[in-house]
PDB file of N, CA and C in Angstrom:
ATOM      1  N   MET A   1      90.444 111.122  85.074  1.00  0.00           N
ATOM      2  CA  MET A   1      89.444 110.780  86.080  1.00  0.00           C
ATOM      3  C   MET A   1      89.687 111.596  87.333  1.00  0.00           C
ATOM      4  N   ASN A   2      88.610 111.977  87.990  1.00  0.00           N
ATOM      5  CA  ASN A   2      88.774 112.705  89.246  1.00  0.00           C
ATOM      6  C   ASN A   2      89.026 111.726  90.393  1.00  0.00           C
ATOM      7  N   LYS A   3      89.253 112.249  91.583  1.00  0.00           N
ATOM      8  CA  LYS A   3      89.622 111.427  92.734  1.00  0.00           C
ATOM      9  C   LYS A   3      88.548 110.410  93.088  1.00  0.00           C
ATOM     10  N   LYS A   4      87.300 110.837  93.179  1.00  0.00           N
ATOM     11  CA  LYS A   4      86.234 109.930  93.607  1.00  0.00           C
ATOM     12  C   LYS A   4      86.047 108.792  92.601  1.00  0.00           C
ATOM     13  N   THR A   5      86.087 109.100  91.331  1.00  0.00           N
ATOM     14  CA  THR A   5      85.953 108.069  90.304  1.00  0.00           C
ATOM     15  C   THR A   5      87.118 107.093  90.378  1.00  0.00           C
ATOM     16  N   THR A   6      88.309 107.614  90.538  1.00  0.00           N
ATOM     17  CA  THR A   6      89.488 106.763  90.659  1.00  0.00           C
ATOM     18  C   THR A   6      89.372 105.859  91.882  1.00  0.00           C
ATOM     19  N   ASP A   7      88.919 106.409  93.014  1.00  0.00           N
ATOM     20  CA  ASP A   7      88.750 105.617  94.236  1.00  0.00           C
ATOM     21  C   ASP A   7      87.789 104.454  94.012  1.00  0.00           C
ATOM     22  N   ILE A   8      86.679 104.725  93.359  1.00  0.00           N
ATOM     23  CA  ILE A   8      85.655 103.702  93.146  1.00  0.00           C
ATOM     24  C   ILE A   8      86.135 102.654  92.143  1.00  0.00           C
ATOM     25  N   VAL A   9      86.715 103.084  91.044  1.00  0.00           N
ATOM     26  CA  VAL A   9      87.159 102.160  89.991  1.00  0.00           C
ATOM     27  C   VAL A   9      88.248 101.214  90.521  1.00  0.00           C
ATOM     28  N   ALA A  10      89.052 101.673  91.458  1.00  0.00           N
ATOM     29  CA  ALA A  10      90.138 100.850  91.997  1.00  0.00           C
ATOM     30  C   ALA A  10      89.623  99.566  92.637  1.00  0.00           C
ATOM     31  N   TYR A  11      88.426  99.581  93.189  1.00  0.00           N
ATOM     32  CA  TYR A  11      87.879  98.401  93.868  1.00  0.00           C
ATOM     33  C   TYR A  11      87.134  97.456  92.934  1.00  0.00           C
ATOM     34  N   ILE A  12      86.876  97.875  91.694  1.00  0.00           N
ATOM     35  CA  ILE A  12      86.058  97.073  90.788  1.00  0.00           C
ATOM     36  C   ILE A  12      86.970  96.290  89.855  1.00  0.00           C
ATOM     37  N   THR A  13      87.178  95.049  90.111  1.00  0.00           N
ATOM     38  CA  THR A  13      88.029  94.095  89.395  1.00  0.00           C
ATOM     39  C   THR A  13      89.482  94.557  89.325  1.00  0.00           C
ATOM     40  N   TRP A  14      90.341  93.638  89.001  1.00  0.00           N
ATOM     41  CA  TRP A  14      91.768  93.986  88.913  1.00  0.00           C
ATOM     42  C   TRP A  14      92.023  94.865  87.703  1.00  0.00           C
ATOM     43  N   ILE A  15      91.185  94.772  86.684  1.00  0.00           N
ATOM     44  CA  ILE A  15      91.328  95.665  85.538  1.00  0.00           C
ATOM     45  C   ILE A  15      91.034  97.105  85.958  1.00  0.00           C
ATOM     46  N   GLY A  16      90.021  97.281  86.800  1.00  0.00           N
ATOM     47  CA  GLY A  16      89.708  98.605  87.324  1.00  0.00           C
ATOM     48  C   GLY A  16      90.862  99.163  88.133  1.00  0.00           C
ATOM     49  N   LEU A  17      91.531  98.294  88.882  1.00  0.00           N
ATOM     50  CA  LEU A  17      92.697  98.732  89.655  1.00  0.00           C
ATOM     51  C   LEU A  17      93.802  99.223  88.734  1.00  0.00           C
ATOM     52  N   ILE A  18      94.042  98.508  87.657  1.00  0.00           N
ATOM     53  CA  ILE A  18      95.064  98.928  86.703  1.00  0.00           C
ATOM     54  C   ILE A  18      94.676 100.248  86.043  1.00  0.00           C
ATOM     55  N   VAL A  19      93.403 100.382  85.676  1.00  0.00           N
ATOM     56  CA  VAL A  19      92.926 101.634  85.077  1.00  0.00           C
ATOM     57  C   VAL A  19      93.107 102.786  86.069  1.00  0.00           C
ATOM     58  N   ALA A  20      92.788 102.541  87.344  1.00  0.00           N
ATOM     59  CA  ALA A  20      92.937 103.587  88.363  1.00  0.00           C
ATOM     60  C   ALA A  20      94.395 104.005  88.510  1.00  0.00           C
ATOM     61  N   ILE A  21      95.292 103.053  88.428  1.00  0.00           N
ATOM     62  CA  ILE A  21      96.715 103.371  88.558  1.00  0.00           C
ATOM     63  C   ILE A  21      97.222 104.131  87.331  1.00  0.00           C
ATOM     64  N   VAL A  22      96.835 103.689  86.143  1.00  0.00           N
ATOM     65  CA  VAL A  22      97.354 104.262  84.902  1.00  0.00           C
ATOM     66  C   VAL A  22      96.662 105.576  84.533  1.00  0.00           C
ATOM     67  N   ALA A  23      95.321 105.589  84.573  1.00  0.00           N
ATOM     68  CA  ALA A  23      94.585 106.741  84.050  1.00  0.00           C
ATOM     69  C   ALA A  23      93.981 107.623  85.134  1.00  0.00           C
ATOM     70  N   GLY A  24      94.046 107.183  86.380  1.00  0.00           N
ATOM     71  CA  GLY A  24      93.402 107.937  87.441  1.00  0.00           C
ATOM     72  C   GLY A  24      94.310 108.953  88.096  1.00  0.00           C
ATOM     73  N   ASP A  25      93.761 109.615  89.091  1.00  0.00           N
ATOM     74  CA  ASP A  25      94.499 110.613  89.871  1.00  0.00           C
ATOM     75  C   ASP A  25      95.268 109.876  90.966  1.00  0.00           C
ATOM     76  N   MET A  26      96.442 109.382  90.608  1.00  0.00           N
ATOM     77  CA  MET A  26      97.237 108.516  91.494  1.00  0.00           C
ATOM     78  C   MET A  26      97.597 109.193  92.809  1.00  0.00           C
ATOM     79  N   ASN A  27      97.997 110.444  92.780  1.00  0.00           N
ATOM     80  CA  ASN A  27      98.425 111.107  94.008  1.00  0.00           C
ATOM     81  C   ASN A  27      97.272 111.312  94.980  1.00  0.00           C
ATOM     82  N   ALA A  28      96.131 111.737  94.498  1.00  0.00           N
ATOM     83  CA  ALA A  28      94.992 111.992  95.384  1.00  0.00           C
ATOM     84  C   ALA A  28      94.338 110.701  95.855  1.00  0.00           C
ATOM     85  N   SER A  29      94.419 109.638  95.070  1.00  0.00           N
ATOM     86  CA  SER A  29      93.729 108.384  95.383  1.00  0.00           C
ATOM     87  C   SER A  29      94.657 107.309  95.916  1.00  0.00           C
ATOM     88  N   LYS A  30      95.815 107.693  96.365  1.00  0.00           N
ATOM     89  CA  LYS A  30      96.808 106.726  96.814  1.00  0.00           C
ATOM     90  C   LYS A  30      96.273 105.810  97.921  1.00  0.00           C
ATOM     91  N   PHE A  31      95.464 106.351  98.840  1.00  0.00           N
ATOM     92  CA  PHE A  31      94.931 105.555  99.944  1.00  0.00           C
ATOM     93  C   PHE A  31      94.069 104.403  99.426  1.00  0.00           C
ATOM     94  N   HIS A  32      93.097 104.704  98.573  1.00  0.00           N
ATOM     95  CA  HIS A  32      92.182 103.668  98.098  1.00  0.00           C
ATOM     96  C   HIS A  32      92.850 102.717  97.109  1.00  0.00           C
ATOM     97  N   ILE A  33      93.790 103.206  96.314  1.00  0.00           N
ATOM     98  CA  ILE A  33      94.529 102.312  95.428  1.00  0.00           C
ATOM     99  C   ILE A  33      95.343 101.329  96.254  1.00  0.00           C
ATOM    100  N   ASN A  34      95.959 101.804  97.327  1.00  0.00           N
ATOM    101  CA  ASN A  34      96.710 100.930  98.226  1.00  0.00           C
ATOM    102  C   ASN A  34      95.792  99.881  98.847  1.00  0.00           C
ATOM    103  N   GLN A  35      94.629 100.296  99.323  1.00  0.00           N
ATOM    104  CA  GLN A  35      93.682  99.365  99.941  1.00  0.00           C
ATOM    105  C   GLN A  35      93.239  98.307  98.918  1.00  0.00           C
ATOM    106  N   ALA A  36      92.985  98.731  97.681  1.00  0.00           N
ATOM    107  CA  ALA A  36      92.561  97.790  96.639  1.00  0.00           C
ATOM    108  C   ALA A  36      93.669  96.791  96.322  1.00  0.00           C
ATOM    109  N   ILE A  37      94.914  97.250  96.278  1.00  0.00           N
ATOM    110  CA  ILE A  37      96.037  96.344  96.044  1.00  0.00           C
ATOM    111  C   ILE A  37      96.120  95.314  97.166  1.00  0.00           C
ATOM    112  N   ILE A  38      95.967  95.752  98.394  1.00  0.00           N
ATOM    113  CA  ILE A  38      96.006  94.839  99.541  1.00  0.00           C
ATOM    114  C   ILE A  38      94.882  93.813  99.450  1.00  0.00           C
ATOM    115  N   ILE A  39      93.689  94.240  99.044  1.00  0.00           N
ATOM    116  CA  ILE A  39      92.562  93.309  98.914  1.00  0.00           C
ATOM    117  C   ILE A  39      92.864  92.258  97.854  1.00  0.00           C
ATOM    118  N   TRP A  40      93.392  92.678  96.708  1.00  0.00           N
ATOM    119  CA  TRP A  40      93.699  91.719  95.656  1.00  0.00           C
ATOM    120  C   TRP A  40      94.824  90.776  96.064  1.00  0.00           C
ATOM    121  N   LEU A  41      95.802  91.268  96.789  1.00  0.00           N
ATOM    122  CA  LEU A  41      96.865  90.385  97.288  1.00  0.00           C
ATOM    123  C   LEU A  41      96.328  89.411  98.332  1.00  0.00           C
ATOM    124  N   ALA A  42      95.420  89.868  99.177  1.00  0.00           N
ATOM    125  CA  ALA A  42      94.792  88.980 100.157  1.00  0.00           C
ATOM    126  C   ALA A  42      94.007  87.885  99.446  1.00  0.00           C
ATOM    127  N   GLY A  43      93.298  88.239  98.388  1.00  0.00           N
ATOM    128  CA  GLY A  43      92.569  87.246  97.610  1.00  0.00           C
ATOM    129  C   GLY A  43      93.498  86.226  96.979  1.00  0.00           C
ATOM    130  N   LEU A  44      94.631  86.695  96.483  1.00  0.00           N
ATOM    131  CA  LEU A  44      95.629  85.797  95.907  1.00  0.00           C
ATOM    132  C   LEU A  44      96.184  84.848  96.967  1.00  0.00           C
ATOM    133  N   CYS A  45      96.465  85.370  98.154  1.00  0.00           N
ATOM    134  CA  CYS A  45      96.971  84.540  99.251  1.00  0.00           C
ATOM    135  C   CYS A  45      95.943  83.498  99.678  1.00  0.00           C
ATOM    136  N   VAL A  46      94.678  83.885  99.742  1.00  0.00           N
ATOM    137  CA  VAL A  46      93.610  82.944 100.093  1.00  0.00           C
ATOM    138  C   VAL A  46      93.530  81.837  99.050  1.00  0.00           C
ATOM    139  N   THR A  47      93.603  82.201  97.782  1.00  0.00           N
ATOM    140  CA  THR A  47      93.516  81.213  96.707  1.00  0.00           C
ATOM    141  C   THR A  47      94.676  80.230  96.764  1.00  0.00           C
ATOM    142  N   ILE A  48      95.879  80.751  96.894  1.00  0.00           N
ATOM    143  CA  ILE A  48      97.058  79.881  96.942  1.00  0.00           C
ATOM    144  C   ILE A  48      97.046  79.026  98.208  1.00  0.00           C
ATOM    145  N   GLY A  49      96.724  79.646  99.342  1.00  0.00           N
ATOM    146  CA  GLY A  49      96.696  78.909 100.604  1.00  0.00           C
ATOM    147  C   GLY A  49      95.656  77.804 100.612  1.00  0.00           C
ATOM    148  N   SER A  50      94.460  78.097 100.138  1.00  0.00           N
ATOM    149  CA  SER A  50      93.418  77.074 100.131  1.00  0.00           C
ATOM    150  C   SER A  50      93.739  75.953  99.145  1.00  0.00           C
ATOM    151  N   THR A  51      94.421  76.290  98.063  1.00  0.00           N
ATOM    152  CA  THR A  51      94.828  75.256  97.096  1.00  0.00           C
ATOM    153  C   THR A  51      95.854  74.321  97.723  1.00  0.00           C
ATOM    154  N   ILE A  52      96.813  74.876  98.433  1.00  0.00           N
ATOM    155  CA  ILE A  52      97.829  74.046  99.100  1.00  0.00           C
ATOM    156  C   ILE A  52      97.188  73.186 100.175  1.00  0.00           C
ATOM    157  N   ILE A  53      96.289  73.775 100.954  1.00  0.00           N
ATOM    158  CA  ILE A  53      95.603  73.005 101.992  1.00  0.00           C
ATOM    159  C   ILE A  53      94.741  71.913 101.367  1.00  0.00           C
ATOM    160  N   SER A  54      94.124  72.186 100.216  1.00  0.00           N
ATOM    161  CA  SER A  54      93.291  71.196  99.529  1.00  0.00           C
ATOM    162  C   SER A  54      94.093  69.978  99.083  1.00  0.00           C
ATOM    163  N   LEU A  55      95.366  70.168  98.810  1.00  0.00           N
ATOM    164  CA  LEU A  55      96.195  69.034  98.434  1.00  0.00           C
ATOM    165  C   LEU A  55      96.409  68.086  99.604  1.00  0.00           C
ATOM    166  N   ILE A  56      96.363  68.628 100.822  1.00  0.00           N
ATOM    167  CA  ILE A  56      96.594  67.816 102.016  1.00  0.00           C
ATOM    168  C   ILE A  56      95.268  67.309 102.576  1.00  0.00           C
ATOM    169  N   VAL A  57      94.333  68.225 102.823  1.00  0.00           N
ATOM    170  CA  VAL A  57      93.011  67.885 103.368  1.00  0.00           C
ATOM    171  C   VAL A  57      91.969  68.612 102.515  1.00  0.00           C
ATOM    172  N   PRO A  58      91.396  67.926 101.538  1.00  0.00           N
ATOM    173  CA  PRO A  58      90.503  68.602 100.585  1.00  0.00           C
ATOM    174  C   PRO A  58      89.331  69.357 101.214  1.00  0.00           C
ATOM    175  N   VAL A  59      88.685  68.774 102.204  1.00  0.00           N
ATOM    176  CA  VAL A  59      87.529  69.442 102.808  1.00  0.00           C
ATOM    177  C   VAL A  59      87.957  70.720 103.518  1.00  0.00           C
ATOM    178  N   LEU A  60      89.041  70.667 104.242  1.00  0.00           N
ATOM    179  CA  LEU A  60      89.540  71.845 104.955  1.00  0.00           C
ATOM    180  C   LEU A  60      89.961  72.933 103.975  1.00  0.00           C
ATOM    181  N   GLY A  61      90.558  72.549 102.866  1.00  0.00           N
ATOM    182  CA  GLY A  61      90.940  73.530 101.850  1.00  0.00           C
ATOM    183  C   GLY A  61      89.738  74.248 101.277  1.00  0.00           C
ATOM    184  N   GLY A  62      88.652  73.505 101.066  1.00  0.00           N
ATOM    185  CA  GLY A  62      87.421  74.118 100.580  1.00  0.00           C
ATOM    186  C   GLY A  62      86.827  75.086 101.574  1.00  0.00           C
ATOM    187  N   ILE A  63      86.863  74.720 102.844  1.00  0.00           N
ATOM    188  CA  ILE A  63      86.331  75.595 103.897  1.00  0.00           C
ATOM    189  C   ILE A  63      87.170  76.866 104.003  1.00  0.00           C
ATOM    190  N   VAL A  64      88.482  76.703 104.012  1.00  0.00           N
ATOM    191  CA  VAL A  64      89.373  77.860 104.095  1.00  0.00           C
ATOM    192  C   VAL A  64      89.185  78.764 102.877  1.00  0.00           C
ATOM    193  N   GLY A  65      89.064  78.180 101.704  1.00  0.00           N
ATOM    194  CA  GLY A  65      88.855  78.960 100.490  1.00  0.00           C
ATOM    195  C   GLY A  65      87.548  79.729 100.527  1.00  0.00           C
ATOM    196  N   PHE A  66      86.479  79.071 100.989  1.00  0.00           N
ATOM    197  CA  PHE A  66      85.181  79.738 101.058  1.00  0.00           C
ATOM    198  C   PHE A  66      85.198  80.887 102.063  1.00  0.00           C
ATOM    199  N   LEU A  67      85.668  80.619 103.286  1.00  0.00           N
ATOM    200  CA  LEU A  67      85.686  81.658 104.322  1.00  0.00           C
ATOM    201  C   LEU A  67      86.631  82.801 103.957  1.00  0.00           C
ATOM    202  N   GLY A  68      87.771  82.464 103.386  1.00  0.00           N
ATOM    203  CA  GLY A  68      88.700  83.506 102.944  1.00  0.00           C
ATOM    204  C   GLY A  68      88.125  84.335 101.812  1.00  0.00           C
ATOM    205  N   GLY A  69      87.425  83.676 100.896  1.00  0.00           N
ATOM    206  CA  GLY A  69      86.782  84.396  99.798  1.00  0.00           C
ATOM    207  C   GLY A  69      85.696  85.343 100.295  1.00  0.00           C
ATOM    208  N   VAL A  70      84.926  84.890 101.272  1.00  0.00           N
ATOM    209  CA  VAL A  70      83.898  85.751 101.863  1.00  0.00           C
ATOM    210  C   VAL A  70      84.547  86.952 102.549  1.00  0.00           C
ATOM    211  N   ALA A  71      85.638  86.716 103.273  1.00  0.00           N
ATOM    212  CA  ALA A  71      86.337  87.816 103.956  1.00  0.00           C
ATOM    213  C   ALA A  71      86.861  88.838 102.953  1.00  0.00           C
ATOM    214  N   VAL A  72      87.443  88.368 101.864  1.00  0.00           N
ATOM    215  CA  VAL A  72      87.961  89.278 100.838  1.00  0.00           C
ATOM    216  C   VAL A  72      86.817  90.058 100.199  1.00  0.00           C
ATOM    217  N   LEU A  73      85.693  89.405  99.953  1.00  0.00           N
ATOM    218  CA  LEU A  73      84.529  90.091  99.396  1.00  0.00           C
ATOM    219  C   LEU A  73      84.018  91.174 100.347  1.00  0.00           C
ATOM    220  N   VAL A  74      83.968  90.860 101.634  1.00  0.00           N
ATOM    221  CA  VAL A  74      83.533  91.849 102.633  1.00  0.00           C
ATOM    222  C   VAL A  74      84.497  93.036 102.664  1.00  0.00           C
ATOM    223  N   PHE A  75      85.804  92.765 102.604  1.00  0.00           N
ATOM    224  CA  PHE A  75      86.784  93.851 102.577  1.00  0.00           C
ATOM    225  C   PHE A  75      86.584  94.733 101.348  1.00  0.00           C
ATOM    226  N   ALA A  76      86.336  94.111 100.191  1.00  0.00           N
ATOM    227  CA  ALA A  76      86.133  94.870  98.963  1.00  0.00           C
ATOM    228  C   ALA A  76      84.881  95.738  99.059  1.00  0.00           C
ATOM    229  N   ILE A  77      83.824  95.209  99.633  1.00  0.00           N
ATOM    230  CA  ILE A  77      82.591  95.985  99.793  1.00  0.00           C
ATOM    231  C   ILE A  77      82.807  97.145 100.758  1.00  0.00           C
ATOM    232  N   LEU A  78      83.494  96.877 101.871  1.00  0.00           N
ATOM    233  CA  LEU A  78      83.775  97.958 102.827  1.00  0.00           C
ATOM    234  C   LEU A  78      84.622  99.054 102.189  1.00  0.00           C
ATOM    235  N   GLY A  79      85.626  98.668 101.418  1.00  0.00           N
ATOM    236  CA  GLY A  79      86.462  99.655 100.732  1.00  0.00           C
ATOM    237  C   GLY A  79      85.676 100.444  99.700  1.00  0.00           C
ATOM    238  N   LEU A  80      84.815  99.761  98.951  1.00  0.00           N
ATOM    239  CA  LEU A  80      84.003 100.432  97.943  1.00  0.00           C
ATOM    240  C   LEU A  80      83.032 101.423  98.578  1.00  0.00           C
ATOM    241  N   VAL A  81      82.397 101.019  99.670  1.00  0.00           N
ATOM    242  CA  VAL A  81      81.476 101.921 100.368  1.00  0.00           C
ATOM    243  C   VAL A  81      82.237 103.138 100.906  1.00  0.00           C
ATOM    244  N   SER A  82      83.421 102.904 101.445  1.00  0.00           N
ATOM    245  CA  SER A  82      84.240 104.009 101.938  1.00  0.00           C
ATOM    246  C   SER A  82      84.605 104.963 100.801  1.00  0.00           C
ATOM    247  N   ALA A  83      84.945 104.421  99.636  1.00  0.00           N
ATOM    248  CA  ALA A  83      85.290 105.260  98.483  1.00  0.00           C
ATOM    249  C   ALA A  83      84.076 106.039  97.989  1.00  0.00           C
ATOM    250  N   ILE A  84      82.917 105.399  97.958  1.00  0.00           N
ATOM    251  CA  ILE A  84      81.699 106.079  97.506  1.00  0.00           C
ATOM    252  C   ILE A  84      81.347 107.229  98.443  1.00  0.00           C
ATOM    253  N   ASN A  85      81.534 107.026  99.743  1.00  0.00           N
ATOM    254  CA  ASN A  85      81.227 108.070 100.725  1.00  0.00           C
ATOM    255  C   ASN A  85      82.321 109.127 100.836  1.00  0.00           C
ATOM    256  N   GLY A  86      83.425 108.950 100.134  1.00  0.00           N
ATOM    257  CA  GLY A  86      84.516 109.924 100.169  1.00  0.00           C
ATOM    258  C   GLY A  86      85.335 109.869 101.445  1.00  0.00           C
ATOM    259  N   GLU A  87      85.301 108.745 102.135  1.00  0.00           N
ATOM    260  CA  GLU A  87      86.048 108.584 103.388  1.00  0.00           C
ATOM    261  C   GLU A  87      87.333 107.800 103.132  1.00  0.00           C
ATOM    262  N   GLU A  88      88.259 107.930 104.036  1.00  0.00           N
ATOM    263  CA  GLU A  88      89.493 107.156 103.973  1.00  0.00           C
ATOM    264  C   GLU A  88      89.628 106.337 105.248  1.00  0.00           C
ATOM    265  N   LYS A  89      88.716 105.394 105.431  1.00  0.00           N
ATOM    266  CA  LYS A  89      88.732 104.524 106.605  1.00  0.00           C
ATOM    267  C   LYS A  89      89.513 103.256 106.281  1.00  0.00           C
ATOM    268  N   PRO A  90      90.519 102.935 107.094  1.00  0.00           N
ATOM    269  CA  PRO A  90      91.278 101.710 106.837  1.00  0.00           C
ATOM    270  C   PRO A  90      90.401 100.468 107.047  1.00  0.00           C
ATOM    271  N   LEU A  91      90.671  99.451 106.279  1.00  0.00           N
ATOM    272  CA  LEU A  91      89.929  98.205 106.396  1.00  0.00           C
ATOM    273  C   LEU A  91      90.329  97.469 107.667  1.00  0.00           C
ATOM    274  N   PRO A  92      89.408  96.696 108.243  1.00  0.00           N
ATOM    275  CA  PRO A  92      89.776  95.913 109.420  1.00  0.00           C
ATOM    276  C   PRO A  92      90.817  94.849 109.053  1.00  0.00           C
ATOM    277  N   LEU A  93      91.697  94.564 109.966  1.00  0.00           N
ATOM    278  CA  LEU A  93      92.750  93.548 109.863  1.00  0.00           C
ATOM    279  C   LEU A  93      93.844  93.871 108.847  1.00  0.00           C
ATOM    280  N   ILE A  94      93.509  94.303 107.647  1.00  0.00           N
ATOM    281  CA  ILE A  94      94.528  94.496 106.613  1.00  0.00           C
ATOM    282  C   ILE A  94      94.731  95.971 106.260  1.00  0.00           C
ATOM    283  N   GLY A  95      94.000  96.858 106.902  1.00  0.00           N
ATOM    284  CA  GLY A  95      94.074  98.272 106.558  1.00  0.00           C
ATOM    285  C   GLY A  95      95.370  98.967 106.960  1.00  0.00           C
ATOM    286  N   ALA A  96      96.116  98.355 107.870  1.00  0.00           N
ATOM    287  CA  ALA A  96      97.353  98.985 108.330  1.00  0.00           C
ATOM    288  C   ALA A  96      98.544  98.678 107.418  1.00  0.00           C
ATOM    289  N   ILE A  97      98.344  97.811 106.438  1.00  0.00           N
ATOM    290  CA  ILE A  97      99.418  97.443 105.519  1.00  0.00           C
ATOM    291  C   ILE A  97      99.509  98.517 104.425  1.00  0.00           C
ATOM    292  N   HIS A  98     100.716  99.000 104.176  1.00  0.00           N
ATOM    293  CA  HIS A  98     100.913 100.033 103.168  1.00  0.00           C
ATOM    294  C   HIS A  98     101.953  99.566 102.164  1.00  0.00           C
ATOM    295  N   ILE A  99     101.551  99.519 100.911  1.00  0.00           N
ATOM    296  CA  ILE A  99     102.476  99.164  99.837  1.00  0.00           C
ATOM    297  C   ILE A  99     102.956 100.438  99.143  1.00  0.00           C
ATOM    298  N   LEU A 100     102.030 101.347  98.895  1.00  0.00           N
ATOM    299  CA  LEU A 100     102.364 102.628  98.263  1.00  0.00           C
ATOM    300  C   LEU A 100     102.782 103.627  99.320  1.00  0.00           C
ATOM    301  N   LYS A 101     103.813 104.356  99.044  1.00  0.00           N
ATOM    302  CA  LYS A 101     104.268 105.381  99.994  1.00  0.00           C
ATOM    303  C   LYS A 101     103.818 106.731  99.549  1.00  0.00           C
TER     304      LYS A 101
END
């Protein structure tokens, strides 16, 4: 896969992220693969956090889960649009986090 395809596939489901890492151009697409990993980890944190909050205050857990899910979806869309346009713009709030070196 070329760089642009790898960038785009990384944002489409976690399976796409794995495909981008395994079969894609890892060195050229490191920025977008990193951003996609951060988005998926943020989604995992939202899910776990809202579940824990739901055990204590069910309504608040639902609200946190919904708002966090919307935020993660917005981040994924922003990352996908950036990949489609061939830009490397960091995501708001979570774009400064780097897992891949």
